[in-house]
Amino acid sequence: MFTFDRKLTFLAPLSGYSDSAFRGICRKLGADVVTTEMVNAIGLTSNGSSKTKKRYSHFHPGEKPIGIQLFGNDPGIMADAAAIGQELGFDFVDINMGCPVKKVLKTGSGATLLRNKKLASSIVRRVKRNITLPLSVKIRTGWDEKDRSYLHFASALAENSADAIVIHPRSVKQGMEGAADHEKVAEICNNLSATYIIANGDIETFYDAKRVYTSSGCNGIMIGREALRNPSIFSLIKRYANGERGNGFPSLGDIVLEHFRGFHTLYGAKATTFFQKHISWYSRDLPNSSTFREKVSKAANPEVMKFEIENFFKKNR
């Protein structure tokens, strides 16, 4: 059974990106743990939830350990959704209490729960009571930069039996702007020494990972956007931590090709269209990337897509 009990590197639950194909690539390249995209608890528990279940329950054994991230604001529905996640074979449940996206906030879910400690505590308590799996909760450090309620909020989650807390040290108002303030992660770690704390935000290199571990005292780290640019970040962190240097990693072009093959298997004819979003991340800041993206956007079939990917990244080794 999976437990939060050692230094682990997590792939963040990235909405629109963390599907089975991408999770598999990240696990192969060194991510210790992966998580699904954010799943609406109502969609998972409703009578018409077969599409939701099919989309989010699909994973390969090689992706394990894998968690399912849920969002919602009804303790009972969240508890039922967590139980379904357990039945589907996930290794842990994560509750999103940090999403700053307006359409999620309007439902009273995500980061809105940071303003309702009583309801958030009730959700954690009910979910934990309904599953035997470990439970984590992902939060931000307050509604705005003056808000210091995150210390009491995190304590409440721990008191209601959350096994781990993932902290993105930006406020809701910040979104993805400004620097992640890992001093706030350190504050929470000092207050909750018995709880497994995962730091998330602005971890782009081994040196960032080392700095965050050292300065905050966190137990694990979570990587999001940098994994979209270069999934090898997980292997790099591990190898540098072991004192290893040099090459030995697959080229970015090989990674993109392997990712696209898995993506094509997952989505079929729609893959060439859906994969555009990944191409934008992979080619970011590389020479002639705009021309490449234009060519890829016109790819008539998977074979043309593969040819353009191979040709572009061969020139940008």
C-alpha atoms as a PDB file:
ATOM      1  CA  MET A   1       0.000   0.000   0.000  1.00  0.00           C
ATOM      2  CA  PHE A   2       1.287   3.459  -0.886  1.00  0.00           C
ATOM      3  CA  THR A   3       2.257   5.745   1.974  1.00  0.00           C
ATOM      4  CA  PHE A   4       3.693   9.258   2.281  1.00  0.00           C
ATOM      5  CA  ASP A   5       6.825   8.175   4.114  1.00  0.00           C
ATOM      6  CA  ARG A   6      10.021   9.282   2.299  1.00  0.00           C
ATOM      7  CA  LYS A   7      11.382  11.940  -0.023  1.00  0.00           C
ATOM      8  CA  LEU A   8       9.242  11.743  -3.147  1.00  0.00           C
ATOM      9  CA  THR A   9       9.014  13.764  -6.340  1.00  0.00           C
ATOM     10  CA  PHE A  10       5.455  14.235  -7.600  1.00  0.00           C
ATOM     11  CA  LEU A  11       4.034  15.231 -10.967  1.00  0.00           C
ATOM     12  CA  ALA A  12       1.469  17.968 -10.335  1.00  0.00           C
ATOM     13  CA  PRO A  13      -2.150  17.411 -11.391  1.00  0.00           C
ATOM     14  CA  LEU A  14      -2.178  19.589 -14.524  1.00  0.00           C
ATOM     15  CA  SER A  15      -5.651  20.220 -15.913  1.00  0.00           C
ATOM     16  CA  GLY A  16      -5.768  19.376 -19.614  1.00  0.00           C
ATOM     17  CA  TYR A  17      -2.327  17.749 -19.555  1.00  0.00           C
ATOM     18  CA  SER A  18      -1.981  15.038 -16.891  1.00  0.00           C
ATOM     19  CA  ASP A  19      -3.601  12.242 -18.886  1.00  0.00           C
ATOM     20  CA  SER A  20      -2.360   8.664 -19.009  1.00  0.00           C
ATOM     21  CA  ALA A  21       0.091   9.313 -21.860  1.00  0.00           C
ATOM     22  CA  PHE A  22       1.843  12.191 -20.085  1.00  0.00           C
ATOM     23  CA  ARG A  23       1.797  10.507 -16.678  1.00  0.00           C
ATOM     24  CA  GLY A  24       3.428   7.434 -18.207  1.00  0.00           C
ATOM     25  CA  ILE A  25       6.228   9.515 -19.736  1.00  0.00           C
ATOM     26  CA  CYS A  26       6.885  11.268 -16.429  1.00  0.00           C
ATOM     27  CA  ARG A  27       6.939   8.017 -14.453  1.00  0.00           C
ATOM     28  CA  LYS A  28       9.387   6.525 -16.966  1.00  0.00           C
ATOM     29  CA  LEU A  29      11.580   9.612 -16.600  1.00  0.00           C
ATOM     30  CA  GLY A  30      11.774   9.482 -12.827  1.00  0.00           C
ATOM     31  CA  ALA A  31       8.608  10.897 -11.253  1.00  0.00           C
ATOM     32  CA  ASP A  32       7.969   8.884  -8.084  1.00  0.00           C
ATOM     33  CA  VAL A  33       4.250   9.636  -7.968  1.00  0.00           C
ATOM     34  CA  VAL A  34       1.686  10.988 -10.447  1.00  0.00           C
ATOM     35  CA  THR A  35      -1.837  12.357 -10.074  1.00  0.00           C
ATOM     36  CA  THR A  36      -4.798  12.677 -12.406  1.00  0.00           C
ATOM     37  CA  GLU A  37      -6.180  15.912 -13.733  1.00  0.00           C
ATOM     38  CA  MET A  38      -8.686  17.566 -11.418  1.00  0.00           C
ATOM     39  CA  VAL A  39     -11.898  15.479 -11.351  1.00  0.00           C
ATOM     40  CA  ASN A  40     -15.328  16.921 -10.533  1.00  0.00           C
ATOM     41  CA  ALA A  41     -16.739  14.835  -7.675  1.00  0.00           C
ATOM     42  CA  ILE A  42     -20.301  15.397  -8.917  1.00  0.00           C
ATOM     43  CA  GLY A  43     -19.390  14.082 -12.372  1.00  0.00           C
ATOM     44  CA  LEU A  44     -17.750  11.011 -10.875  1.00  0.00           C
ATOM     45  CA  THR A  45     -20.698  10.129  -8.629  1.00  0.00           C
ATOM     46  CA  SER A  46     -23.677  11.034 -10.836  1.00  0.00           C
ATOM     47  CA  ASN A  47     -25.712   8.501 -12.807  1.00  0.00           C
ATOM     48  CA  GLY A  48     -24.329   9.853 -16.049  1.00  0.00           C
ATOM     49  CA  SER A  49     -20.720   9.583 -14.912  1.00  0.00           C
ATOM     50  CA  SER A  50     -19.598   6.765 -17.231  1.00  0.00           C
ATOM     51  CA  LYS A  51     -17.689   9.195 -19.499  1.00  0.00           C
ATOM     52  CA  THR A  52     -15.982  10.806 -16.527  1.00  0.00           C
ATOM     53  CA  LYS A  53     -15.086   7.422 -15.051  1.00  0.00           C
ATOM     54  CA  LYS A  54     -13.730   6.165 -18.363  1.00  0.00           C
ATOM     55  CA  ARG A  55     -11.626   9.274 -18.970  1.00  0.00           C
ATOM     56  CA  TYR A  56     -10.105   9.593 -15.514  1.00  0.00           C
ATOM     57  CA  SER A  57      -9.951   5.954 -14.428  1.00  0.00           C
ATOM     58  CA  HIS A  58      -7.744   4.963 -17.357  1.00  0.00           C
ATOM     59  CA  PHE A  59      -4.220   4.272 -16.239  1.00  0.00           C
ATOM     60  CA  HIS A  60      -1.558   1.651 -16.861  1.00  0.00           C
ATOM     61  CA  PRO A  61       0.104  -0.361 -14.075  1.00  0.00           C
ATOM     62  CA  GLY A  62       3.379   1.419 -14.904  1.00  0.00           C
ATOM     63  CA  GLU A  63       1.860   4.722 -13.770  1.00  0.00           C
ATOM     64  CA  LYS A  64       1.487   3.535 -10.172  1.00  0.00           C
ATOM     65  CA  PRO A  65       1.602   4.927  -7.574  1.00  0.00           C
ATOM     66  CA  ILE A  66      -1.117   7.246  -8.831  1.00  0.00           C
ATOM     67  CA  GLY A  67      -3.603   9.461  -7.028  1.00  0.00           C
ATOM     68  CA  ILE A  68      -6.954  10.855  -8.106  1.00  0.00           C
ATOM     69  CA  GLN A  69      -7.487  14.569  -7.468  1.00  0.00           C
ATOM     70  CA  LEU A  70     -11.063  15.568  -6.645  1.00  0.00           C
ATOM     71  CA  PHE A  71     -12.752  18.937  -6.383  1.00  0.00           C
ATOM     72  CA  GLY A  72     -16.141  19.820  -4.945  1.00  0.00           C
ATOM     73  CA  ASN A  73     -17.761  21.429  -1.912  1.00  0.00           C
ATOM     74  CA  ASP A  74     -20.216  18.833  -0.631  1.00  0.00           C
ATOM     75  CA  PRO A  75     -18.691  16.567   2.045  1.00  0.00           C
ATOM     76  CA  GLY A  76     -20.995  13.649   1.245  1.00  0.00           C
ATOM     77  CA  ILE A  77     -20.427  13.767  -2.507  1.00  0.00           C
ATOM     78  CA  MET A  78     -16.689  14.163  -2.005  1.00  0.00           C
ATOM     79  CA  ALA A  79     -16.671  11.125   0.299  1.00  0.00           C
ATOM     80  CA  ASP A  80     -18.590   9.058  -2.258  1.00  0.00           C
ATOM     81  CA  ALA A  81     -16.259  10.163  -5.068  1.00  0.00           C
ATOM     82  CA  ALA A  82     -13.224   9.225  -2.979  1.00  0.00           C
ATOM     83  CA  ALA A  83     -14.674   5.768  -2.414  1.00  0.00           C
ATOM     84  CA  ILE A  84     -15.151   5.378  -6.173  1.00  0.00           C
ATOM     85  CA  GLY A  85     -11.523   6.409  -6.641  1.00  0.00           C
ATOM     86  CA  GLN A  86     -10.480   3.672  -4.253  1.00  0.00           C
ATOM     87  CA  GLU A  87     -12.618   1.109  -6.105  1.00  0.00           C
ATOM     88  CA  LEU A  88     -11.029   2.154  -9.394  1.00  0.00           C
ATOM     89  CA  GLY A  89      -7.592   1.239  -8.054  1.00  0.00           C
ATOM     90  CA  PHE A  90      -5.996   4.577  -7.251  1.00  0.00           C
ATOM     91  CA  ASP A  91      -3.315   4.593  -4.564  1.00  0.00           C
ATOM     92  CA  PHE A  92      -4.355   7.782  -2.773  1.00  0.00           C
ATOM     93  CA  VAL A  93      -6.917  10.574  -2.956  1.00  0.00           C
ATOM     94  CA  ASP A  94      -6.023  14.251  -3.256  1.00  0.00           C
ATOM     95  CA  ILE A  95      -8.498  17.051  -2.599  1.00  0.00           C
ATOM     96  CA  ASN A  96      -8.048  20.307  -4.493  1.00  0.00           C
ATOM     97  CA  MET A  97      -8.437  23.348  -2.246  1.00  0.00           C
ATOM     98  CA  GLY A  98      -6.104  25.587  -4.208  1.00  0.00           C
ATOM     99  CA  CYS A  99      -7.396  26.004  -7.755  1.00  0.00           C
ATOM    100  CA  PRO A 100      -7.738  29.769  -8.502  1.00  0.00           C
ATOM    101  CA  VAL A 101      -9.635  29.389 -11.797  1.00  0.00           C
ATOM    102  CA  LYS A 102     -12.840  31.461 -11.759  1.00  0.00           C
ATOM    103  CA  LYS A 103     -15.171  28.745 -13.051  1.00  0.00           C
ATOM    104  CA  VAL A 104     -14.031  26.486 -10.197  1.00  0.00           C
ATOM    105  CA  LEU A 105     -14.259  29.260  -7.595  1.00  0.00           C
ATOM    106  CA  LYS A 106     -17.830  30.019  -8.685  1.00  0.00           C
ATOM    107  CA  THR A 107     -18.868  26.485  -7.682  1.00  0.00           C
ATOM    108  CA  GLY A 108     -17.588  27.060  -4.141  1.00  0.00           C
ATOM    109  CA  SER A 109     -14.792  24.569  -4.747  1.00  0.00           C
ATOM    110  CA  GLY A 110     -11.030  24.779  -5.187  1.00  0.00           C
ATOM    111  CA  ALA A 111      -9.421  27.758  -3.447  1.00  0.00           C
ATOM    112  CA  THR A 112     -12.811  29.070  -2.283  1.00  0.00           C
ATOM    113  CA  LEU A 113     -12.540  26.516   0.526  1.00  0.00           C
ATOM    114  CA  LEU A 114      -9.565  28.420   1.939  1.00  0.00           C
ATOM    115  CA  ARG A 115     -12.168  30.908   3.192  1.00  0.00           C
ATOM    116  CA  ASN A 116     -14.279  28.255   4.901  1.00  0.00           C
ATOM    117  CA  LYS A 117     -12.152  26.254   7.318  1.00  0.00           C
ATOM    118  CA  LYS A 118     -15.210  24.577   8.865  1.00  0.00           C
ATOM    119  CA  LEU A 119     -16.451  23.204   5.524  1.00  0.00           C
ATOM    120  CA  ALA A 120     -12.939  22.242   4.415  1.00  0.00           C
ATOM    121  CA  SER A 121     -12.423  20.335   7.665  1.00  0.00           C
ATOM    122  CA  SER A 122     -15.753  18.571   7.218  1.00  0.00           C
ATOM    123  CA  ILE A 123     -14.805  17.479   3.694  1.00  0.00           C
ATOM    124  CA  VAL A 124     -11.476  16.071   4.849  1.00  0.00           C
ATOM    125  CA  ARG A 125     -13.087  14.304   7.802  1.00  0.00           C
ATOM    126  CA  ARG A 126     -15.864  12.719   5.713  1.00  0.00           C
ATOM    127  CA  VAL A 127     -13.513  11.641   2.921  1.00  0.00           C
ATOM    128  CA  LYS A 128     -11.002  10.127   5.325  1.00  0.00           C
ATOM    129  CA  ARG A 129     -13.773   8.211   7.070  1.00  0.00           C
ATOM    130  CA  ASN A 130     -14.952   6.737   3.757  1.00  0.00           C
ATOM    131  CA  ILE A 131     -11.629   5.371   2.433  1.00  0.00           C
ATOM    132  CA  THR A 132      -8.667   3.362   3.642  1.00  0.00           C
ATOM    133  CA  LEU A 133      -6.261   5.074   1.229  1.00  0.00           C
ATOM    134  CA  PRO A 134      -3.901   7.907   2.208  1.00  0.00           C
ATOM    135  CA  LEU A 135      -5.395  11.386   1.775  1.00  0.00           C
ATOM    136  CA  SER A 136      -3.639  14.573   0.668  1.00  0.00           C
ATOM    137  CA  VAL A 137      -4.960  18.112   0.253  1.00  0.00           C
ATOM    138  CA  LYS A 138      -3.558  20.732  -2.130  1.00  0.00           C
ATOM    139  CA  ILE A 139      -3.757  24.339  -0.949  1.00  0.00           C
ATOM    140  CA  ARG A 140      -2.427  27.840  -1.570  1.00  0.00           C
ATOM    141  CA  THR A 141      -1.086  30.227   1.034  1.00  0.00           C
ATOM    142  CA  GLY A 142      -4.108  32.451   1.483  1.00  0.00           C
ATOM    143  CA  TRP A 143      -6.509  34.514  -0.591  1.00  0.00           C
ATOM    144  CA  ASP A 144      -4.071  37.403  -1.017  1.00  0.00           C
ATOM    145  CA  GLU A 145      -0.530  38.103   0.120  1.00  0.00           C
ATOM    146  CA  LYS A 146      -1.686  39.687   3.399  1.00  0.00           C
ATOM    147  CA  ASP A 147      -3.754  36.654   4.330  1.00  0.00           C
ATOM    148  CA  ARG A 148      -1.918  34.528   6.900  1.00  0.00           C
ATOM    149  CA  SER A 149      -4.773  32.151   7.683  1.00  0.00           C
ATOM    150  CA  TYR A 150      -2.938  29.378   5.823  1.00  0.00           C
ATOM    151  CA  LEU A 151      -1.174  28.352   9.056  1.00  0.00           C
ATOM    152  CA  HIS A 152      -4.451  27.707  10.894  1.00  0.00           C
ATOM    153  CA  PHE A 153      -6.012  26.228   7.765  1.00  0.00           C
ATOM    154  CA  ALA A 154      -3.195  23.694   7.300  1.00  0.00           C
ATOM    155  CA  SER A 155      -3.383  22.803  11.000  1.00  0.00           C
ATOM    156  CA  ALA A 156      -7.121  22.138  10.671  1.00  0.00           C
ATOM    157  CA  LEU A 157      -6.513  19.777   7.758  1.00  0.00           C
ATOM    158  CA  ALA A 158      -3.919  17.858   9.767  1.00  0.00           C
ATOM    159  CA  GLU A 159      -6.208  17.716  12.821  1.00  0.00           C
ATOM    160  CA  ASN A 160      -8.886  16.127  10.628  1.00  0.00           C
ATOM    161  CA  SER A 161      -6.505  13.363   9.529  1.00  0.00           C
ATOM    162  CA  ALA A 162      -5.076  14.593   6.213  1.00  0.00           C
ATOM    163  CA  ASP A 163      -1.970  12.451   5.697  1.00  0.00           C
ATOM    164  CA  ALA A 164      -0.211  14.990   3.484  1.00  0.00           C
ATOM    165  CA  ILE A 165      -0.582  18.631   2.493  1.00  0.00           C
ATOM    166  CA  VAL A 166       0.617  19.982  -0.857  1.00  0.00           C
ATOM    167  CA  ILE A 167       1.460  23.678  -0.624  1.00  0.00           C
ATOM    168  CA  HIS A 168       1.665  26.035  -3.577  1.00  0.00           C
ATOM    169  CA  PRO A 169       3.049  29.135  -1.836  1.00  0.00           C
ATOM    170  CA  ARG A 170       1.278  31.742  -3.914  1.00  0.00           C
ATOM    171  CA  SER A 171      -1.993  33.404  -2.983  1.00  0.00           C
ATOM    172  CA  VAL A 172      -5.205  32.884  -4.928  1.00  0.00           C
ATOM    173  CA  LYS A 173      -5.011  36.470  -6.190  1.00  0.00           C
ATOM    174  CA  GLN A 174      -1.492  35.872  -7.517  1.00  0.00           C
ATOM    175  CA  GLY A 175      -2.539  32.990  -9.749  1.00  0.00           C
ATOM    176  CA  MET A 176       0.753  32.018 -11.362  1.00  0.00           C
ATOM    177  CA  GLU A 177       2.274  35.499 -11.108  1.00  0.00           C
ATOM    178  CA  GLY A 178       5.181  36.460  -8.880  1.00  0.00           C
ATOM    179  CA  ALA A 179       7.596  34.139  -7.113  1.00  0.00           C
ATOM    180  CA  ALA A 180       6.557  31.164  -5.003  1.00  0.00           C
ATOM    181  CA  ASP A 181       7.322  32.043  -1.365  1.00  0.00           C
ATOM    182  CA  HIS A 182       8.759  28.869   0.129  1.00  0.00           C
ATOM    183  CA  GLU A 183       9.371  30.604   3.449  1.00  0.00           C
ATOM    184  CA  LYS A 184       5.644  30.094   3.992  1.00  0.00           C
ATOM    185  CA  VAL A 185       6.126  26.377   3.334  1.00  0.00           C
ATOM    186  CA  ALA A 186       8.814  26.412   6.043  1.00  0.00           C
ATOM    187  CA  GLU A 187       6.345  28.022   8.479  1.00  0.00           C
ATOM    188  CA  ILE A 188       3.837  25.241   7.887  1.00  0.00           C
ATOM    189  CA  CYS A 189       6.527  22.558   8.155  1.00  0.00           C
ATOM    190  CA  ASN A 190       7.617  23.982  11.510  1.00  0.00           C
ATOM    191  CA  ASN A 191       4.031  23.980  12.760  1.00  0.00           C
ATOM    192  CA  LEU A 192       3.160  20.507  11.462  1.00  0.00           C
ATOM    193  CA  SER A 193       6.237  18.353  11.995  1.00  0.00           C
ATOM    194  CA  ALA A 194       4.141  15.158  12.069  1.00  0.00           C
ATOM    195  CA  THR A 195       2.443  15.820   8.692  1.00  0.00           C
ATOM    196  CA  TYR A 196       3.984  15.008   5.311  1.00  0.00           C
ATOM    197  CA  ILE A 197       4.433  18.339   3.488  1.00  0.00           C
ATOM    198  CA  ILE A 198       4.915  18.627  -0.278  1.00  0.00           C
ATOM    199  CA  ALA A 199       6.250  21.886  -1.724  1.00  0.00           C
ATOM    200  CA  ASN A 200       5.105  23.014  -5.167  1.00  0.00           C
ATOM    201  CA  GLY A 201       5.977  26.062  -7.273  1.00  0.00           C
ATOM    202  CA  ASP A 202       9.003  27.392  -9.187  1.00  0.00           C
ATOM    203  CA  ILE A 203      10.969  24.142  -9.004  1.00  0.00           C
ATOM    204  CA  GLU A 204      12.676  24.036 -12.396  1.00  0.00           C
ATOM    205  CA  THR A 205      16.140  22.565 -11.706  1.00  0.00           C
ATOM    206  CA  PHE A 206      17.939  20.265  -9.284  1.00  0.00           C
ATOM    207  CA  TYR A 207      19.274  23.366  -7.548  1.00  0.00           C
ATOM    208  CA  ASP A 208      15.742  24.683  -7.055  1.00  0.00           C
ATOM    209  CA  ALA A 209      14.741  21.332  -5.577  1.00  0.00           C
ATOM    210  CA  LYS A 210      17.755  21.307  -3.237  1.00  0.00           C
ATOM    211  CA  ARG A 211      17.068  24.893  -2.153  1.00  0.00           C
ATOM    212  CA  VAL A 212      13.400  24.190  -1.422  1.00  0.00           C
ATOM    213  CA  TYR A 213      14.182  21.020   0.543  1.00  0.00           C
ATOM    214  CA  THR A 214      16.863  22.801   2.560  1.00  0.00           C
ATOM    215  CA  SER A 215      15.058  26.078   3.217  1.00  0.00           C
ATOM    216  CA  SER A 216      11.574  24.732   3.898  1.00  0.00           C
ATOM    217  CA  GLY A 217      12.158  21.363   5.532  1.00  0.00           C
ATOM    218  CA  CYS A 218       9.494  19.815   3.295  1.00  0.00           C
ATOM    219  CA  ASN A 219       9.195  16.047   2.864  1.00  0.00           C
ATOM    220  CA  GLY A 220       8.531  15.958  -0.891  1.00  0.00           C
ATOM    221  CA  ILE A 221       8.382  18.217  -3.930  1.00  0.00           C
ATOM    222  CA  MET A 222       5.857  18.574  -6.745  1.00  0.00           C
ATOM    223  CA  ILE A 223       6.695  19.730 -10.265  1.00  0.00           C
ATOM    224  CA  GLY A 224       4.204  21.159 -12.731  1.00  0.00           C
ATOM    225  CA  ARG A 225       5.035  23.515 -15.592  1.00  0.00           C
ATOM    226  CA  GLU A 226       8.694  22.522 -15.885  1.00  0.00           C
ATOM    227  CA  ALA A 227       7.591  18.931 -16.536  1.00  0.00           C
ATOM    228  CA  LEU A 228       5.586  20.200 -19.514  1.00  0.00           C
ATOM    229  CA  ARG A 229       8.758  21.748 -20.947  1.00  0.00           C
ATOM    230  CA  ASN A 230      11.057  18.865 -20.110  1.00  0.00           C
ATOM    231  CA  PRO A 231       9.815  15.682 -18.389  1.00  0.00           C
ATOM    232  CA  SER A 232      13.473  14.691 -17.822  1.00  0.00           C
ATOM    233  CA  ILE A 233      13.473  17.118 -14.884  1.00  0.00           C
ATOM    234  CA  PHE A 234      12.560  14.199 -12.604  1.00  0.00           C
ATOM    235  CA  SER A 235      15.554  12.118 -13.692  1.00  0.00           C
ATOM    236  CA  LEU A 236      17.844  15.138 -13.538  1.00  0.00           C
ATOM    237  CA  ILE A 237      16.892  15.836  -9.932  1.00  0.00           C
ATOM    238  CA  LYS A 238      17.497  12.219  -8.923  1.00  0.00           C
ATOM    239  CA  ARG A 239      20.812  11.891 -10.741  1.00  0.00           C
ATOM    240  CA  TYR A 240      22.179  15.165  -9.416  1.00  0.00           C
ATOM    241  CA  ALA A 241      21.064  14.220  -5.905  1.00  0.00           C
ATOM    242  CA  ASN A 242      23.139  11.031  -6.289  1.00  0.00           C
ATOM    243  CA  GLY A 243      26.157  13.007  -7.478  1.00  0.00           C
ATOM    244  CA  GLU A 244      25.806  11.908 -11.106  1.00  0.00           C
ATOM    245  CA  ARG A 245      26.458  14.264 -14.003  1.00  0.00           C
ATOM    246  CA  GLY A 246      26.693  14.069 -17.783  1.00  0.00           C
ATOM    247  CA  ASN A 247      24.309  12.790 -20.401  1.00  0.00           C
ATOM    248  CA  GLY A 248      22.514   9.473 -20.528  1.00  0.00           C
ATOM    249  CA  PHE A 249      19.036  10.925 -20.901  1.00  0.00           C
ATOM    250  CA  PRO A 250      16.853  10.443 -23.968  1.00  0.00           C
ATOM    251  CA  SER A 251      16.849  13.491 -26.242  1.00  0.00           C
ATOM    252  CA  LEU A 252      13.889  15.854 -26.050  1.00  0.00           C
ATOM    253  CA  GLY A 253      12.954  14.808 -29.597  1.00  0.00           C
ATOM    254  CA  ASP A 254      12.810  11.131 -28.549  1.00  0.00           C
ATOM    255  CA  ILE A 255      10.695  12.050 -25.529  1.00  0.00           C
ATOM    256  CA  VAL A 256       8.241  14.044 -27.652  1.00  0.00           C
ATOM    257  CA  LEU A 257       7.953  11.205 -30.186  1.00  0.00           C
ATOM    258  CA  GLU A 258       7.328   8.611 -27.487  1.00  0.00           C
ATOM    259  CA  HIS A 259       4.797  10.902 -25.839  1.00  0.00           C
ATOM    260  CA  PHE A 260       2.976  11.399 -29.138  1.00  0.00           C
ATOM    261  CA  ARG A 261       2.846   7.650 -29.805  1.00  0.00           C
ATOM    262  CA  GLY A 262       1.177   7.087 -26.441  1.00  0.00           C
ATOM    263  CA  PHE A 263      -1.059  10.078 -27.034  1.00  0.00           C
ATOM    264  CA  HIS A 264      -2.114   8.694 -30.422  1.00  0.00           C
ATOM    265  CA  THR A 265      -2.947   5.349 -28.845  1.00  0.00           C
ATOM    266  CA  LEU A 266      -5.101   7.148 -26.290  1.00  0.00           C
ATOM    267  CA  TYR A 267      -6.925   9.606 -28.574  1.00  0.00           C
ATOM    268  CA  GLY A 268      -6.766   8.077 -32.048  1.00  0.00           C
ATOM    269  CA  ALA A 269      -7.598  10.412 -34.933  1.00  0.00           C
ATOM    270  CA  LYS A 270      -7.967  13.407 -32.588  1.00  0.00           C
ATOM    271  CA  ALA A 271      -4.358  13.111 -31.400  1.00  0.00           C
ATOM    272  CA  THR A 272      -2.830  15.421 -34.015  1.00  0.00           C
ATOM    273  CA  THR A 273      -5.163  18.227 -32.912  1.00  0.00           C
ATOM    274  CA  PHE A 274      -5.032  17.594 -29.150  1.00  0.00           C
ATOM    275  CA  PHE A 275      -1.222  17.289 -29.079  1.00  0.00           C
ATOM    276  CA  GLN A 276      -0.746  20.904 -30.216  1.00  0.00           C
ATOM    277  CA  LYS A 277      -0.832  22.102 -26.604  1.00  0.00           C
ATOM    278  CA  HIS A 278       2.095  19.832 -25.725  1.00  0.00           C
ATOM    279  CA  ILE A 279       4.042  20.955 -28.798  1.00  0.00           C
ATOM    280  CA  SER A 280       3.750  24.555 -27.591  1.00  0.00           C
ATOM    281  CA  TRP A 281       5.434  23.650 -24.294  1.00  0.00           C
ATOM    282  CA  TYR A 282       8.087  21.352 -25.746  1.00  0.00           C
ATOM    283  CA  SER A 283       9.196  23.844 -28.396  1.00  0.00           C
ATOM    284  CA  ARG A 284       9.068  26.938 -26.193  1.00  0.00           C
ATOM    285  CA  ASP A 285      12.141  29.188 -26.557  1.00  0.00           C
ATOM    286  CA  LEU A 286      13.712  26.969 -29.242  1.00  0.00           C
ATOM    287  CA  PRO A 287      14.873  28.504 -32.561  1.00  0.00           C
ATOM    288  CA  ASN A 288      12.230  28.571 -35.326  1.00  0.00           C
ATOM    289  CA  SER A 289       9.592  27.202 -32.969  1.00  0.00           C
ATOM    290  CA  SER A 290       6.795  29.344 -34.412  1.00  0.00           C
ATOM    291  CA  THR A 291       7.420  27.945 -37.900  1.00  0.00           C
ATOM    292  CA  PHE A 292       7.487  24.437 -36.462  1.00  0.00           C
ATOM    293  CA  ARG A 293       4.214  24.939 -34.621  1.00  0.00           C
ATOM    294  CA  GLU A 294       2.590  26.242 -37.794  1.00  0.00           C
ATOM    295  CA  LYS A 295       3.700  23.135 -39.716  1.00  0.00           C
ATOM    296  CA  VAL A 296       2.483  20.828 -36.980  1.00  0.00           C
ATOM    297  CA  SER A 297      -0.889  22.594 -36.833  1.00  0.00           C
ATOM    298  CA  LYS A 298      -1.394  21.625 -40.477  1.00  0.00           C
ATOM    299  CA  ALA A 299      -0.325  17.992 -40.051  1.00  0.00           C
ATOM    300  CA  ALA A 300      -2.855  15.921 -41.951  1.00  0.00           C
ATOM    301  CA  ASN A 301      -2.166  12.666 -40.087  1.00  0.00           C
ATOM    302  CA  PRO A 302       0.019  11.147 -37.347  1.00  0.00           C
ATOM    303  CA  GLU A 303       2.809  10.200 -39.738  1.00  0.00           C
ATOM    304  CA  VAL A 304       3.225  13.811 -40.865  1.00  0.00           C
ATOM    305  CA  MET A 305       3.185  14.901 -37.206  1.00  0.00           C
ATOM    306  CA  LYS A 306       5.939  12.401 -36.345  1.00  0.00           C
ATOM    307  CA  PHE A 307       8.031  13.543 -39.313  1.00  0.00           C
ATOM    308  CA  GLU A 308       7.804  17.215 -38.303  1.00  0.00           C
ATOM    309  CA  ILE A 309       8.626  16.424 -34.669  1.00  0.00           C
ATOM    310  CA  GLU A 310      11.664  14.343 -35.594  1.00  0.00           C
ATOM    311  CA  ASN A 311      12.919  16.922 -38.089  1.00  0.00           C
ATOM    312  CA  PHE A 312      12.550  19.891 -35.749  1.00  0.00           C
ATOM    313  CA  PHE A 313      14.110  18.405 -32.647  1.00  0.00           C
ATOM    314  CA  LYS A 314      16.966  16.873 -34.612  1.00  0.00           C
ATOM    315  CA  LYS A 315      17.935  20.433 -35.530  1.00  0.00           C
ATOM    316  CA  ASN A 316      17.610  21.551 -31.917  1.00  0.00           C
ATOM    317  CA  ARG A 317      19.589  18.895 -30.103  1.00  0.00           C
END
